[in-house]
Protein backbone atom coordinates (compact mmCIF):
# COMPACT_ATOMS: atom_id res chain seq x y z
CA MET A 1 37.70 11.92 4.69
CA THR A 2 37.90 14.73 2.12
CA ASP A 3 34.80 16.58 0.91
CA GLN A 4 35.09 14.75 -2.41
CA LYS A 5 34.46 11.45 -0.66
CA ARG A 6 31.97 12.75 1.89
CA ILE A 7 28.68 10.86 1.84
CA VAL A 8 25.48 12.34 3.25
CA LEU A 9 22.17 10.54 3.70
CA ALA A 10 19.31 13.02 3.19
CA SER A 11 17.09 11.10 5.61
CA GLY A 12 16.62 10.68 9.32
CA SER A 13 15.83 6.98 8.89
CA THR A 14 17.84 4.82 11.27
CA PHE A 15 17.04 1.77 9.10
CA ARG A 16 18.59 3.28 5.97
CA ALA A 17 21.56 4.61 7.91
CA ASP A 18 22.16 1.17 9.43
CA ILE A 19 22.02 -0.47 5.99
CA LEU A 20 24.72 1.89 4.71
CA ARG A 21 26.91 1.66 7.81
CA ASN A 22 26.59 -2.13 7.94
CA ALA A 23 27.83 -2.16 4.34
CA GLY A 24 30.99 -0.39 5.53
CA LEU A 25 30.20 3.18 4.50
CA THR A 26 30.98 6.20 6.64
CA ILE A 27 28.02 8.56 6.33
CA GLU A 28 26.49 11.66 7.83
CA GLN A 29 22.75 12.12 8.22
CA ILE A 30 21.25 15.46 7.24
CA PRO A 31 17.50 14.95 6.77
CA SER A 32 15.69 16.85 4.05
CA THR A 33 13.16 19.39 5.33
CA LEU A 34 10.86 19.10 2.33
CA ASP A 35 7.12 18.70 2.95
CA GLU A 36 6.73 15.37 1.16
CA ARG A 37 2.93 15.32 1.19
CA ALA A 38 2.75 18.85 -0.26
CA LEU A 39 5.26 17.88 -2.93
CA GLU A 40 3.38 14.70 -3.75
CA ALA A 41 -0.10 16.26 -3.97
CA PRO A 42 0.26 17.61 -7.54
CA LEU A 43 1.84 14.31 -8.60
CA ALA A 44 -1.23 12.45 -7.35
CA GLN A 45 -3.55 14.89 -9.14
CA ALA A 46 -1.60 14.34 -12.36
CA ASP A 47 -1.87 10.57 -11.86
CA VAL A 48 1.92 10.14 -11.93
CA LEU A 49 2.90 6.48 -11.66
CA PRO A 50 3.95 5.31 -8.16
CA GLU A 51 7.49 4.43 -9.28
CA ASP A 52 7.89 7.87 -10.83
CA ARG A 53 6.55 9.55 -7.68
CA ALA A 54 9.12 7.69 -5.57
CA GLU A 55 11.93 8.81 -7.89
CA ILE A 56 10.76 12.43 -7.99
CA LEU A 57 10.54 12.60 -4.19
CA ALA A 58 13.94 10.95 -3.70
CA GLU A 59 15.48 13.38 -6.20
CA ALA A 60 13.90 16.39 -4.49
CA LYS A 61 15.30 15.34 -1.10
CA ALA A 62 18.78 14.68 -2.46
CA GLY A 63 18.76 17.92 -4.43
CA GLN A 64 17.70 20.07 -1.49
CA VAL A 65 20.36 18.72 0.84
CA SER A 66 23.13 18.66 -1.78
CA GLN A 67 22.62 22.35 -2.60
CA ALA A 68 23.66 23.16 0.98
CA GLN A 69 26.38 20.51 1.26
CA ILE A 70 28.76 21.50 -1.52
CA GLY A 71 31.18 18.75 -2.52
CA ALA A 72 29.29 16.00 -0.72
CA TRP A 73 27.71 12.99 -2.38
CA VAL A 74 24.12 13.07 -1.17
CA ILE A 75 21.81 10.04 -1.11
CA GLY A 76 18.07 10.67 -1.34
CA CYS A 77 15.52 7.89 -0.86
CA ASP A 78 11.80 7.35 -1.03
CA GLN A 79 9.50 4.36 -0.93
CA ILE A 80 5.92 4.21 -2.15
CA LEU A 81 3.42 1.40 -1.68
CA SER A 82 0.81 0.86 -4.38
CA PHE A 83 -2.21 -1.35 -3.74
CA GLU A 84 -5.27 -1.82 -5.92
CA GLY A 85 -4.74 1.49 -7.72
CA GLU A 86 -4.02 3.51 -4.58
CA VAL A 87 -0.83 4.90 -3.09
CA LEU A 88 -0.57 4.29 0.65
CA HIS A 89 1.54 6.27 3.13
CA LYS A 90 2.88 5.46 6.57
CA PRO A 91 0.06 4.71 9.04
CA LYS A 92 -0.62 7.55 11.47
CA ASP A 93 -1.31 5.27 14.45
CA MET A 94 -1.64 1.64 15.48
CA ASP A 95 -5.34 1.53 14.59
CA GLU A 96 -4.55 2.55 11.03
CA ALA A 97 -1.71 0.01 10.98
CA ARG A 98 -4.19 -2.69 12.02
CA ARG A 99 -6.61 -1.71 9.24
CA ARG A 100 -3.75 -1.60 6.75
CA LEU A 101 -2.61 -5.14 7.49
CA ILE A 102 -6.15 -6.51 7.41
CA ALA A 103 -6.67 -4.88 4.00
CA LEU A 104 -3.41 -6.32 2.65
CA SER A 105 -4.07 -9.84 4.00
CA GLY A 106 -4.11 -12.46 1.26
CA LYS A 107 -3.38 -9.91 -1.44
CA THR A 108 -0.49 -8.53 -3.46
CA HIS A 109 0.97 -5.03 -3.24
CA MET A 110 4.00 -3.34 -4.77
CA LEU A 111 6.79 -1.43 -3.09
CA HIS A 112 8.65 1.08 -5.24
CA SER A 113 11.98 2.00 -3.63
CA ALA A 114 13.87 4.89 -5.19
CA VAL A 115 17.42 6.06 -4.53
CA VAL A 116 19.11 9.12 -6.02
CA LEU A 117 22.71 10.29 -5.84
CA ALA A 118 23.27 14.04 -6.11
CA LYS A 119 26.22 16.41 -5.90
CA ASP A 120 26.19 20.21 -5.72
CA GLY A 121 22.44 20.30 -6.38
CA GLN A 122 22.65 18.14 -9.51
CA THR A 123 21.39 14.59 -9.88
CA VAL A 124 24.23 12.25 -10.80
CA TRP A 125 22.35 8.93 -10.77
CA ARG A 126 18.88 7.55 -10.04
CA HIS A 127 17.32 4.13 -9.65
CA VAL A 128 13.91 2.67 -8.75
CA GLU A 129 13.49 -0.94 -7.61
CA PRO A 130 10.03 -2.58 -7.77
CA CYS A 131 9.24 -5.31 -5.25
CA LYS A 132 6.18 -7.58 -5.48
CA MET A 133 4.87 -8.43 -2.03
CA VAL A 134 2.38 -11.30 -1.58
CA MET A 135 0.85 -11.51 1.88
CA ARG A 136 -0.61 -14.71 3.28
CA GLU A 137 -4.12 -14.72 4.66
CA PHE A 138 -4.41 -14.07 8.39
CA ASP A 139 -7.26 -13.19 10.72
CA PRO A 140 -7.77 -9.95 12.68
CA GLY A 141 -6.83 -11.70 15.92
CA PHE A 142 -3.39 -12.52 14.56
CA VAL A 143 -2.96 -8.91 13.39
CA GLY A 144 -3.71 -7.64 16.88
CA ARG A 145 -1.24 -10.01 18.48
CA HIS A 146 1.39 -9.23 15.85
CA LEU A 147 1.12 -5.47 16.37
CA ALA A 148 1.17 -5.89 20.15
CA SER A 149 4.50 -7.70 19.85
CA THR A 150 6.09 -5.31 17.32
CA GLY A 151 4.92 -2.01 18.80
CA ASP A 152 5.14 1.46 17.28
CA ALA A 153 8.12 0.53 15.11
CA VAL A 154 5.69 -0.51 12.36
CA LEU A 155 4.54 3.12 12.02
CA SER A 156 7.83 3.92 10.29
CA SER A 157 6.90 1.63 7.37
CA VAL A 158 4.42 2.34 4.56
CA GLY A 159 3.19 -1.25 4.80
CA ALA A 160 2.97 -1.32 8.61
CA TYR A 161 5.52 -4.13 8.72
CA GLN A 162 9.26 -4.65 8.96
CA ILE A 163 10.21 -7.65 6.90
CA GLU A 164 13.65 -7.86 8.52
CA GLY A 165 11.88 -8.75 11.77
CA PRO A 166 8.59 -10.41 12.80
CA GLY A 167 6.95 -8.88 9.71
CA ALA A 168 8.43 -11.75 7.70
CA GLN A 169 5.65 -13.91 9.16
CA LEU A 170 3.06 -11.91 7.22
CA PHE A 171 4.23 -13.02 3.79
CA GLN A 172 3.61 -15.91 1.46
CA SER A 173 6.24 -14.75 -1.02
CA ILE A 174 8.25 -11.72 -2.07
CA GLY A 175 9.72 -10.71 -5.38
CA GLY A 176 12.59 -8.31 -5.03
CA ASP A 177 15.74 -7.39 -3.20
CA LEU A 178 15.54 -7.42 0.60
CA PHE A 179 17.45 -4.14 0.93
CA SER A 180 14.98 -2.50 -1.45
CA ILE A 181 12.04 -3.83 0.55
CA MET A 182 13.65 -2.24 3.62
CA GLY A 183 13.71 1.09 1.76
CA LEU A 184 17.13 1.36 0.10
CA PRO A 185 18.28 -0.40 -3.11
CA LEU A 186 21.76 -0.93 -1.70
CA LEU A 187 23.55 -2.93 -4.38
CA PRO A 188 22.76 -0.58 -7.29
CA LEU A 189 23.76 2.35 -5.05
CA LEU A 190 27.10 0.76 -4.18
CA ASN A 191 27.76 0.17 -7.88
CA ALA A 192 27.03 3.83 -8.60
CA LEU A 193 29.33 5.00 -5.78
CA ARG A 194 32.12 2.81 -7.13
CA LYS A 195 31.59 4.12 -10.64
CA GLU A 196 31.96 7.68 -9.35
CA ASN A 197 35.07 6.67 -7.35
CA VAL A 198 33.38 7.67 -4.11
CA ILE A 199 34.16 4.31 -2.51
CA ASP A 200 36.91 1.82 -3.17
CA GLY A 201 36.23 -0.29 -6.22
């Protein structure tokens, strides 16, 4: 693979890497070292919309890594959950995950999944996919049993669930692309890579 066709994922996420590799892409993973919470703090103070925050963070990650990986096509991603006017981040522990799921029970939240393609420090393409997530009502006992069966893996998700696994049982309905719900709008990204002749079209 020449540098022109080299694809780098600016994330340490095994889920996102698996999505790309399962789609037939050969990628490298070079996680961004940006302090996301520090970068997001002024955005929150300025009341920047959740979808715009996700795009700004994804662009910052892609830009940082692509500046050091000259010639590579760098993919930056971010996902933000908005619920009743608040932006929620990944739960710190299982107790917070339990409280998160109880709060979301029977209600609707939005996932905003952003993906950015950068090269040589410049953004080439960006996209944000909104997903409407409607949870069914469940009692605290079910939440406890659910988390006991899923384990710490839920801590890697802003919603404290993984819809590609047992987390599917939490939902009444979803509106959006499954890849985007998992944190990477894959189909728009593949279209962009084809347009740039990075992958075979």
